[in-house]
């Protein structure tokens, strides 16, 4: 699957080591003490997209997965196959 977002892990204009160094600098600047790698950053990003209600096909495209089953792994991680999807009925005002 081709996408302008295909570079979520490492942008095409950056060497992997340069990306890792910039990510490490950004993490240190925020005061986060946990180890963060490009992979953990990508994983957290995808998980949060799904938790916030993003469509799984959109997340699949952003991550560059050719098979939806690969993206579905993230729905298992958050423990909800709906992955944040809200029913239109849930948005109706209560009477």
PDB file of N, CA and C in Angstrom:
ATOM      1  N   UNK A   1       0.847  -1.167   0.000  1.00  0.00           N
ATOM      2  CA  UNK A   1       0.000   0.000   0.000  1.00  0.00           C
ATOM      3  C   UNK A   1       0.895   1.234   0.000  1.00  0.00           C
ATOM      4  N   UNK A   2       0.693   2.099  -0.944  1.00  0.00           N
ATOM      5  CA  UNK A   2       1.464   3.331  -1.042  1.00  0.00           C
ATOM      6  C   UNK A   2       0.713   4.463  -0.369  1.00  0.00           C
ATOM      7  N   UNK A   3       1.432   5.279   0.345  1.00  0.00           N
ATOM      8  CA  UNK A   3       0.795   6.379   1.047  1.00  0.00           C
ATOM      9  C   UNK A   3       1.811   7.473   1.307  1.00  0.00           C
ATOM     10  N   UNK A   4       1.331   8.697   1.392  1.00  0.00           N
ATOM     11  CA  UNK A   4       2.228   9.795   1.757  1.00  0.00           C
ATOM     12  C   UNK A   4       2.651   9.669   3.218  1.00  0.00           C
ATOM     13  N   UNK A   5       1.923   8.855   3.994  1.00  0.00           N
ATOM     14  CA  UNK A   5       2.228   8.653   5.407  1.00  0.00           C
ATOM     15  C   UNK A   5       3.107   7.419   5.622  1.00  0.00           C
ATOM     16  N   UNK A   6       3.552   6.798   4.557  1.00  0.00           N
ATOM     17  CA  UNK A   6       4.275   5.541   4.655  1.00  0.00           C
ATOM     18  C   UNK A   6       5.519   5.659   5.537  1.00  0.00           C
ATOM     19  N   UNK A   7       6.022   6.843   5.715  1.00  0.00           N
ATOM     20  CA  UNK A   7       7.272   7.053   6.450  1.00  0.00           C
ATOM     21  C   UNK A   7       7.068   7.205   7.938  1.00  0.00           C
ATOM     22  N   UNK A   8       5.923   6.830   8.475  1.00  0.00           N
ATOM     23  CA  UNK A   8       5.648   7.076   9.885  1.00  0.00           C
ATOM     24  C   UNK A   8       6.819   6.704  10.785  1.00  0.00           C
ATOM     25  N   UNK A   9       7.541   5.677  10.449  1.00  0.00           N
ATOM     26  CA  UNK A   9       8.656   5.289  11.299  1.00  0.00           C
ATOM     27  C   UNK A   9       9.892   6.147  11.007  1.00  0.00           C
ATOM     28  N   UNK A  10      10.325   6.210   9.790  1.00  0.00           N
ATOM     29  CA  UNK A  10      11.497   7.018   9.438  1.00  0.00           C
ATOM     30  C   UNK A  10      11.199   7.786   8.157  1.00  0.00           C
ATOM     31  N   UNK A  11      11.146   9.121   8.222  1.00  0.00           N
ATOM     32  CA  UNK A  11      10.898   9.910   7.016  1.00  0.00           C
ATOM     33  C   UNK A  11      11.967   9.638   5.961  1.00  0.00           C
ATOM     34  N   UNK A  12      11.597   9.659   4.677  1.00  0.00           N
ATOM     35  CA  UNK A  12      12.545   9.298   3.623  1.00  0.00           C
ATOM     36  C   UNK A  12      13.761  10.210   3.522  1.00  0.00           C
ATOM     37  N   UNK A  13      13.641  11.447   3.988  1.00  0.00           N
ATOM     38  CA  UNK A  13      14.756  12.384   3.873  1.00  0.00           C
ATOM     39  C   UNK A  13      15.717  12.305   5.067  1.00  0.00           C
ATOM     40  N   UNK A  14      15.445  11.428   6.032  1.00  0.00           N
ATOM     41  CA  UNK A  14      16.321  11.280   7.189  1.00  0.00           C
ATOM     42  C   UNK A  14      16.923   9.884   7.233  1.00  0.00           C
ATOM     43  N   UNK A  15      18.170   9.816   7.575  1.00  0.00           N
ATOM     44  CA  UNK A  15      18.802   8.524   7.816  1.00  0.00           C
ATOM     45  C   UNK A  15      18.257   7.994   9.133  1.00  0.00           C
ATOM     46  N   UNK A  16      18.138   6.690   9.276  1.00  0.00           N
ATOM     47  CA  UNK A  16      17.559   6.086  10.474  1.00  0.00           C
ATOM     48  C   UNK A  16      18.254   6.572  11.746  1.00  0.00           C
ATOM     49  N   UNK A  17      19.577   6.677  11.716  1.00  0.00           N
ATOM     50  CA  UNK A  17      20.290   7.111  12.926  1.00  0.00           C
ATOM     51  C   UNK A  17      19.967   8.566  13.266  1.00  0.00           C
ATOM     52  N   UNK A  18      19.779   9.398  12.250  1.00  0.00           N
ATOM     53  CA  UNK A  18      19.417  10.796  12.483  1.00  0.00           C
ATOM     54  C   UNK A  18      18.019  10.887  13.090  1.00  0.00           C
ATOM     55  N   UNK A  19      17.103  10.081  12.578  1.00  0.00           N
ATOM     56  CA  UNK A  19      15.743  10.051  13.123  1.00  0.00           C
ATOM     57  C   UNK A  19      15.761   9.596  14.577  1.00  0.00           C
ATOM     58  N   UNK A  20      16.506   8.534  14.859  1.00  0.00           N
ATOM     59  CA  UNK A  20      16.593   8.024  16.226  1.00  0.00           C
ATOM     60  C   UNK A  20      17.166   9.075  17.168  1.00  0.00           C
ATOM     61  N   UNK A  21      18.188   9.793  16.712  1.00  0.00           N
ATOM     62  CA  UNK A  21      18.806  10.827  17.541  1.00  0.00           C
ATOM     63  C   UNK A  21      17.808  11.961  17.820  1.00  0.00           C
ATOM     64  N   UNK A  22      17.072  12.378  16.798  1.00  0.00           N
ATOM     65  CA  UNK A  22      16.083  13.446  16.980  1.00  0.00           C
ATOM     66  C   UNK A  22      14.944  12.992  17.889  1.00  0.00           C
ATOM     67  N   UNK A  23      14.530  11.761  17.752  1.00  0.00           N
ATOM     68  CA  UNK A  23      13.476  11.235  18.617  1.00  0.00           C
ATOM     69  C   UNK A  23      13.964  11.202  20.064  1.00  0.00           C
ATOM     70  N   UNK A  24      15.188  10.738  20.272  1.00  0.00           N
ATOM     71  CA  UNK A  24      15.758  10.682  21.618  1.00  0.00           C
ATOM     72  C   UNK A  24      15.833  12.088  22.233  1.00  0.00           C
ATOM     73  N   UNK A  25      16.248  13.077  21.441  1.00  0.00           N
ATOM     74  CA  UNK A  25      16.313  14.459  21.926  1.00  0.00           C
ATOM     75  C   UNK A  25      14.928  14.971  22.314  1.00  0.00           C
ATOM     76  N   UNK A  26      13.926  14.657  21.497  1.00  0.00           N
ATOM     77  CA  UNK A  26      12.556  15.101  21.786  1.00  0.00           C
ATOM     78  C   UNK A  26      12.037  14.446  23.066  1.00  0.00           C
ATOM     79  N   UNK A  27      12.324  13.171  23.245  1.00  0.00           N
ATOM     80  CA  UNK A  27      11.880  12.453  24.440  1.00  0.00           C
ATOM     81  C   UNK A  27      12.550  13.048  25.682  1.00  0.00           C
ATOM     82  N   UNK A  28      13.839  13.298  25.615  1.00  0.00           N
ATOM     83  CA  UNK A  28      14.548  13.896  26.746  1.00  0.00           C
ATOM     84  C   UNK A  28      14.007  15.281  27.073  1.00  0.00           C
ATOM     85  N   UNK A  29      13.668  16.041  26.039  1.00  0.00           N
ATOM     86  CA  UNK A  29      13.152  17.400  26.244  1.00  0.00           C
ATOM     87  C   UNK A  29      11.805  17.392  26.956  1.00  0.00           C
ATOM     88  N   UNK A  30      11.043  16.313  26.800  1.00  0.00           N
ATOM     89  CA  UNK A  30       9.732  16.236  27.456  1.00  0.00           C
ATOM     90  C   UNK A  30       9.826  15.729  28.882  1.00  0.00           C
ATOM     91  N   UNK A  31      10.971  15.187  29.248  1.00  0.00           N
ATOM     92  CA  UNK A  31      11.129  14.660  30.596  1.00  0.00           C
ATOM     93  C   UNK A  31      10.663  13.221  30.753  1.00  0.00           C
ATOM     94  N   UNK A  32      10.318  12.578  29.647  1.00  0.00           N
ATOM     95  CA  UNK A  32       9.905  11.173  29.707  1.00  0.00           C
ATOM     96  C   UNK A  32      11.127  10.335  30.080  1.00  0.00           C
ATOM     97  N   UNK A  33      10.968   9.486  31.082  1.00  0.00           N
ATOM     98  CA  UNK A  33      12.105   8.689  31.543  1.00  0.00           C
ATOM     99  C   UNK A  33      12.116   7.271  30.978  1.00  0.00           C
ATOM    100  N   UNK A  34      11.025   6.853  30.370  1.00  0.00           N
ATOM    101  CA  UNK A  34      10.976   5.513  29.790  1.00  0.00           C
ATOM    102  C   UNK A  34      11.758   5.480  28.486  1.00  0.00           C
ATOM    103  N   UNK A  35      12.230   4.288  28.130  1.00  0.00           N
ATOM    104  CA  UNK A  35      12.949   4.104  26.875  1.00  0.00           C
ATOM    105  C   UNK A  35      11.955   4.215  25.723  1.00  0.00           C
ATOM    106  N   UNK A  36      12.239   5.071  24.767  1.00  0.00           N
ATOM    107  CA  UNK A  36      11.385   5.244  23.597  1.00  0.00           C
ATOM    108  C   UNK A  36      12.229   5.030  22.354  1.00  0.00           C
ATOM    109  N   UNK A  37      11.788   4.107  21.517  1.00  0.00           N
ATOM    110  CA  UNK A  37      12.445   3.860  20.231  1.00  0.00           C
ATOM    111  C   UNK A  37      11.466   4.233  19.127  1.00  0.00           C
ATOM    112  N   UNK A  38      11.959   4.250  17.905  1.00  0.00           N
ATOM    113  CA  UNK A  38      11.077   4.532  16.774  1.00  0.00           C
ATOM    114  C   UNK A  38       9.926   3.530  16.743  1.00  0.00           C
ATOM    115  N   UNK A  39      10.213   2.277  17.074  1.00  0.00           N
ATOM    116  CA  UNK A  39       9.177   1.248  17.060  1.00  0.00           C
ATOM    117  C   UNK A  39       8.136   1.502  18.150  1.00  0.00           C
ATOM    118  N   UNK A  40       8.569   1.819  19.366  1.00  0.00           N
ATOM    119  CA  UNK A  40       7.602   2.065  20.442  1.00  0.00           C
ATOM    120  C   UNK A  40       6.794   3.336  20.169  1.00  0.00           C
ATOM    121  N   UNK A  41       7.430   4.327  19.568  1.00  0.00           N
ATOM    122  CA  UNK A  41       6.733   5.550  19.211  1.00  0.00           C
ATOM    123  C   UNK A  41       5.651   5.254  18.178  1.00  0.00           C
ATOM    124  N   UNK A  42       5.991   4.484  17.158  1.00  0.00           N
ATOM    125  CA  UNK A  42       5.044   4.096  16.108  1.00  0.00           C
ATOM    126  C   UNK A  42       3.886   3.296  16.699  1.00  0.00           C
ATOM    127  N   UNK A  43       4.210   2.359  17.592  1.00  0.00           N
ATOM    128  CA  UNK A  43       3.204   1.521  18.217  1.00  0.00           C
ATOM    129  C   UNK A  43       2.248   2.363  19.072  1.00  0.00           C
ATOM    130  N   UNK A  44       2.797   3.257  19.874  1.00  0.00           N
ATOM    131  CA  UNK A  44       1.975   4.118  20.724  1.00  0.00           C
ATOM    132  C   UNK A  44       1.092   5.040  19.877  1.00  0.00           C
ATOM    133  N   UNK A  45       1.648   5.554  18.805  1.00  0.00           N
ATOM    134  CA  UNK A  45       0.900   6.433  17.906  1.00  0.00           C
ATOM    135  C   UNK A  45      -0.298   5.697  17.320  1.00  0.00           C
ATOM    136  N   UNK A  46      -0.069   4.497  16.802  1.00  0.00           N
ATOM    137  CA  UNK A  46      -1.151   3.710  16.194  1.00  0.00           C
ATOM    138  C   UNK A  46      -2.204   3.337  17.225  1.00  0.00           C
ATOM    139  N   UNK A  47      -1.769   2.941  18.403  1.00  0.00           N
ATOM    140  CA  UNK A  47      -2.712   2.566  19.460  1.00  0.00           C
ATOM    141  C   UNK A  47      -3.588   3.748  19.845  1.00  0.00           C
ATOM    142  N   UNK A  48      -2.993   4.924  19.991  1.00  0.00           N
ATOM    143  CA  UNK A  48      -3.764   6.110  20.359  1.00  0.00           C
ATOM    144  C   UNK A  48      -4.719   6.539  19.250  1.00  0.00           C
ATOM    145  N   UNK A  49      -4.316   6.376  17.995  1.00  0.00           N
ATOM    146  CA  UNK A  49      -5.236   6.673  16.895  1.00  0.00           C
ATOM    147  C   UNK A  49      -6.488   5.814  17.010  1.00  0.00           C
ATOM    148  N   UNK A  50      -6.294   4.528  17.254  1.00  0.00           N
ATOM    149  CA  UNK A  50      -7.439   3.614  17.366  1.00  0.00           C
ATOM    150  C   UNK A  50      -8.272   3.908  18.606  1.00  0.00           C
ATOM    151  N   UNK A  51      -7.617   4.186  19.718  1.00  0.00           N
ATOM    152  CA  UNK A  51      -8.351   4.517  20.950  1.00  0.00           C
ATOM    153  C   UNK A  51      -9.213   5.753  20.782  1.00  0.00           C
ATOM    154  N   UNK A  52      -8.741   6.694  19.991  1.00  0.00           N
ATOM    155  CA  UNK A  52      -9.478   7.940  19.821  1.00  0.00           C
ATOM    156  C   UNK A  52     -10.542   7.847  18.733  1.00  0.00           C
ATOM    157  N   UNK A  53     -10.709   6.652  18.159  1.00  0.00           N
ATOM    158  CA  UNK A  53     -11.798   6.442  17.215  1.00  0.00           C
ATOM    159  C   UNK A  53     -11.433   6.472  15.753  1.00  0.00           C
ATOM    160  N   UNK A  54     -10.154   6.522  15.418  1.00  0.00           N
ATOM    161  CA  UNK A  54      -9.779   6.497  14.009  1.00  0.00           C
ATOM    162  C   UNK A  54     -10.170   5.169  13.371  1.00  0.00           C
ATOM    163  N   UNK A  55     -10.544   5.242  12.131  1.00  0.00           N
ATOM    164  CA  UNK A  55     -10.920   4.061  11.368  1.00  0.00           C
ATOM    165  C   UNK A  55      -9.705   3.165  11.164  1.00  0.00           C
ATOM    166  N   UNK A  56      -9.888   1.868  11.319  1.00  0.00           N
ATOM    167  CA  UNK A  56      -8.756   0.937  11.214  1.00  0.00           C
ATOM    168  C   UNK A  56      -8.131   0.961   9.826  1.00  0.00           C
ATOM    169  N   UNK A  57      -8.919   1.203   8.790  1.00  0.00           N
ATOM    170  CA  UNK A  57      -8.366   1.272   7.429  1.00  0.00           C
ATOM    171  C   UNK A  57      -7.473   2.502   7.270  1.00  0.00           C
ATOM    172  N   UNK A  58      -7.831   3.594   7.919  1.00  0.00           N
ATOM    173  CA  UNK A  58      -6.992   4.789   7.879  1.00  0.00           C
ATOM    174  C   UNK A  58      -5.668   4.524   8.579  1.00  0.00           C
ATOM    175  N   UNK A  59      -5.735   3.886   9.746  1.00  0.00           N
ATOM    176  CA  UNK A  59      -4.512   3.553  10.483  1.00  0.00           C
ATOM    177  C   UNK A  59      -3.665   2.587   9.661  1.00  0.00           C
ATOM    178  N   UNK A  60      -4.297   1.637   8.984  1.00  0.00           N
ATOM    179  CA  UNK A  60      -3.577   0.704   8.118  1.00  0.00           C
ATOM    180  C   UNK A  60      -2.794   1.471   7.054  1.00  0.00           C
ATOM    181  N   UNK A  61      -3.429   2.452   6.450  1.00  0.00           N
ATOM    182  CA  UNK A  61      -2.768   3.240   5.402  1.00  0.00           C
ATOM    183  C   UNK A  61      -1.610   4.062   5.977  1.00  0.00           C
ATOM    184  N   UNK A  62      -1.840   4.696   7.112  1.00  0.00           N
ATOM    185  CA  UNK A  62      -0.796   5.517   7.730  1.00  0.00           C
ATOM    186  C   UNK A  62       0.432   4.672   8.074  1.00  0.00           C
ATOM    187  N   UNK A  63       0.184   3.455   8.593  1.00  0.00           N
ATOM    188  CA  UNK A  63       1.288   2.587   8.983  1.00  0.00           C
ATOM    189  C   UNK A  63       1.936   1.890   7.785  1.00  0.00           C
ATOM    190  N   UNK A  64       1.244   1.880   6.657  1.00  0.00           N
ATOM    191  CA  UNK A  64       1.796   1.239   5.469  1.00  0.00           C
ATOM    192  C   UNK A  64       1.646  -0.269   5.470  1.00  0.00           C
ATOM    193  N   UNK A  65       0.686  -0.781   6.230  1.00  0.00           N
ATOM    194  CA  UNK A  65       0.462  -2.228   6.262  1.00  0.00           C
ATOM    195  C   UNK A  65      -0.288  -2.655   5.008  1.00  0.00           C
ATOM    196  N   UNK A  66       0.180  -3.697   4.357  1.00  0.00           N
ATOM    197  CA  UNK A  66      -0.529  -4.197   3.184  1.00  0.00           C
ATOM    198  C   UNK A  66      -1.680  -5.112   3.580  1.00  0.00           C
ATOM    199  N   UNK A  67      -1.613  -5.702   4.749  1.00  0.00           N
ATOM    200  CA  UNK A  67      -2.637  -6.637   5.215  1.00  0.00           C
ATOM    201  C   UNK A  67      -3.304  -6.072   6.469  1.00  0.00           C
ATOM    202  N   UNK A  68      -4.622  -5.972   6.444  1.00  0.00           N
ATOM    203  CA  UNK A  68      -5.373  -5.421   7.576  1.00  0.00           C
ATOM    204  C   UNK A  68      -5.143  -6.237   8.848  1.00  0.00           C
ATOM    205  N   UNK A  69      -4.826  -7.505   8.711  1.00  0.00           N
ATOM    206  CA  UNK A  69      -4.597  -8.337   9.900  1.00  0.00           C
ATOM    207  C   UNK A  69      -3.409  -7.831  10.720  1.00  0.00           C
ATOM    208  N   UNK A  70      -2.441  -7.250  10.061  1.00  0.00           N
ATOM    209  CA  UNK A  70      -1.298  -6.683  10.778  1.00  0.00           C
ATOM    210  C   UNK A  70      -1.754  -5.504  11.637  1.00  0.00           C
ATOM    211  N   UNK A  71      -2.613  -4.668  11.083  1.00  0.00           N
ATOM    212  CA  UNK A  71      -3.124  -3.513  11.815  1.00  0.00           C
ATOM    213  C   UNK A  71      -4.054  -3.955  12.939  1.00  0.00           C
ATOM    214  N   UNK A  72      -4.781  -5.030  12.735  1.00  0.00           N
ATOM    215  CA  UNK A  72      -5.714  -5.521  13.749  1.00  0.00           C
ATOM    216  C   UNK A  72      -5.012  -5.930  15.042  1.00  0.00           C
ATOM    217  N   UNK A  73      -3.724  -6.173  14.966  1.00  0.00           N
ATOM    218  CA  UNK A  73      -2.961  -6.500  16.181  1.00  0.00           C
ATOM    219  C   UNK A  73      -3.134  -5.392  17.214  1.00  0.00           C
ATOM    220  N   UNK A  74      -3.195  -4.143  16.766  1.00  0.00           N
ATOM    221  CA  UNK A  74      -3.342  -3.020  17.684  1.00  0.00           C
ATOM    222  C   UNK A  74      -4.695  -3.045  18.397  1.00  0.00           C
ATOM    223  N   UNK A  75      -5.732  -3.568  17.745  1.00  0.00           N
ATOM    224  CA  UNK A  75      -7.033  -3.647  18.407  1.00  0.00           C
ATOM    225  C   UNK A  75      -6.993  -4.675  19.528  1.00  0.00           C
ATOM    226  N   UNK A  76      -6.183  -5.711  19.374  1.00  0.00           N
ATOM    227  CA  UNK A  76      -6.036  -6.707  20.438  1.00  0.00           C
ATOM    228  C   UNK A  76      -5.280  -6.110  21.623  1.00  0.00           C
ATOM    229  N   UNK A  77      -4.320  -5.251  21.333  1.00  0.00           N
ATOM    230  CA  UNK A  77      -3.523  -4.623  22.391  1.00  0.00           C
ATOM    231  C   UNK A  77      -4.402  -3.755  23.280  1.00  0.00           C
ATOM    232  N   UNK A  78      -5.344  -3.016  22.681  1.00  0.00           N
ATOM    233  CA  UNK A  78      -6.195  -2.142  23.482  1.00  0.00           C
ATOM    234  C   UNK A  78      -7.412  -2.879  24.023  1.00  0.00           C
ATOM    235  N   UNK A  79      -7.594  -4.137  23.614  1.00  0.00           N
ATOM    236  CA  UNK A  79      -8.644  -4.970  24.177  1.00  0.00           C
ATOM    237  C   UNK A  79     -10.044  -4.641  23.704  1.00  0.00           C
ATOM    238  N   UNK A  80     -10.158  -4.012  22.550  1.00  0.00           N
ATOM    239  CA  UNK A  80     -11.478  -3.657  22.046  1.00  0.00           C
ATOM    240  C   UNK A  80     -11.475  -3.757  20.530  1.00  0.00           C
ATOM    241  N   UNK A  81     -12.252  -4.674  19.994  1.00  0.00           N
ATOM    242  CA  UNK A  81     -12.298  -4.846  18.539  1.00  0.00           C
ATOM    243  C   UNK A  81     -12.894  -3.615  17.863  1.00  0.00           C
ATOM    244  N   UNK A  82     -13.731  -2.854  18.596  1.00  0.00           N
ATOM    245  CA  UNK A  82     -14.309  -1.641  18.008  1.00  0.00           C
ATOM    246  C   UNK A  82     -13.275  -0.525  17.947  1.00  0.00           C
ATOM    247  N   UNK A  83     -12.273  -0.597  18.787  1.00  0.00           N
ATOM    248  CA  UNK A  83     -11.145   0.344  18.789  1.00  0.00           C
ATOM    249  C   UNK A  83     -11.563   1.804  18.821  1.00  0.00           C
ATOM    250  N   UNK A  84     -12.476   2.139  19.727  1.00  0.00           N
ATOM    251  CA  UNK A  84     -12.838   3.538  19.890  1.00  0.00           C
ATOM    252  C   UNK A  84     -13.962   4.025  19.005  1.00  0.00           C
ATOM    253  N   UNK A  85     -14.493   3.170  18.155  1.00  0.00           N
ATOM    254  CA  UNK A  85     -15.585   3.572  17.283  1.00  0.00           C
ATOM    255  C   UNK A  85     -16.817   3.884  18.123  1.00  0.00           C
ATOM    256  N   UNK A  86     -17.438   5.005  17.821  1.00  0.00           N
ATOM    257  CA  UNK A  86     -18.621   5.434  18.557  1.00  0.00           C
ATOM    258  C   UNK A  86     -19.829   5.306  17.639  1.00  0.00           C
ATOM    259  N   UNK A  87     -20.875   4.709  18.145  1.00  0.00           N
ATOM    260  CA  UNK A  87     -22.110   4.572  17.393  1.00  0.00           C
ATOM    261  C   UNK A  87     -22.760   5.946  17.247  1.00  0.00           C
ATOM    262  N   UNK A  88     -23.369   6.235  16.099  1.00  0.00           N
ATOM    263  CA  UNK A  88     -24.094   7.498  15.948  1.00  0.00           C
ATOM    264  C   UNK A  88     -25.194   7.648  17.003  1.00  0.00           C
ATOM    265  N   UNK A  89     -25.749   6.535  17.476  1.00  0.00           N
ATOM    266  CA  UNK A  89     -26.780   6.584  18.503  1.00  0.00           C
ATOM    267  C   UNK A  89     -26.210   7.073  19.837  1.00  0.00           C
ATOM    268  N   UNK A  90     -24.928   6.810  20.070  1.00  0.00           N
ATOM    269  CA  UNK A  90     -24.300   7.281  21.309  1.00  0.00           C
ATOM    270  C   UNK A  90     -24.148   8.803  21.319  1.00  0.00           C
ATOM    271  N   UNK A  91     -24.218   9.419  20.158  1.00  0.00           N
ATOM    272  CA  UNK A  91     -24.049  10.870  20.060  1.00  0.00           C
ATOM    273  C   UNK A  91     -25.365  11.640  20.157  1.00  0.00           C
ATOM    274  N   UNK A  92     -26.482  10.917  20.144  1.00  0.00           N
ATOM    275  CA  UNK A  92     -27.785  11.572  20.232  1.00  0.00           C
ATOM    276  C   UNK A  92     -27.989  12.146  21.623  1.00  0.00           C
ATOM    277  N   UNK A  93     -28.582  13.319  21.706  1.00  0.00           N
ATOM    278  CA  UNK A  93     -28.850  13.876  23.032  1.00  0.00           C
ATOM    279  C   UNK A  93     -29.859  13.009  23.768  1.00  0.00           C
ATOM    280  N   UNK A  94     -29.648  12.858  25.043  1.00  0.00           N
ATOM    281  CA  UNK A  94     -30.592  12.054  25.827  1.00  0.00           C
ATOM    282  C   UNK A  94     -31.835  12.888  26.106  1.00  0.00           C
ATOM    283  N   UNK A  95     -32.968  12.200  26.152  1.00  0.00           N
ATOM    284  CA  UNK A  95     -34.227  12.945  26.368  1.00  0.00           C
ATOM    285  C   UNK A  95     -34.757  12.790  27.755  1.00  0.00           C
TER     286      UNK A  95
END
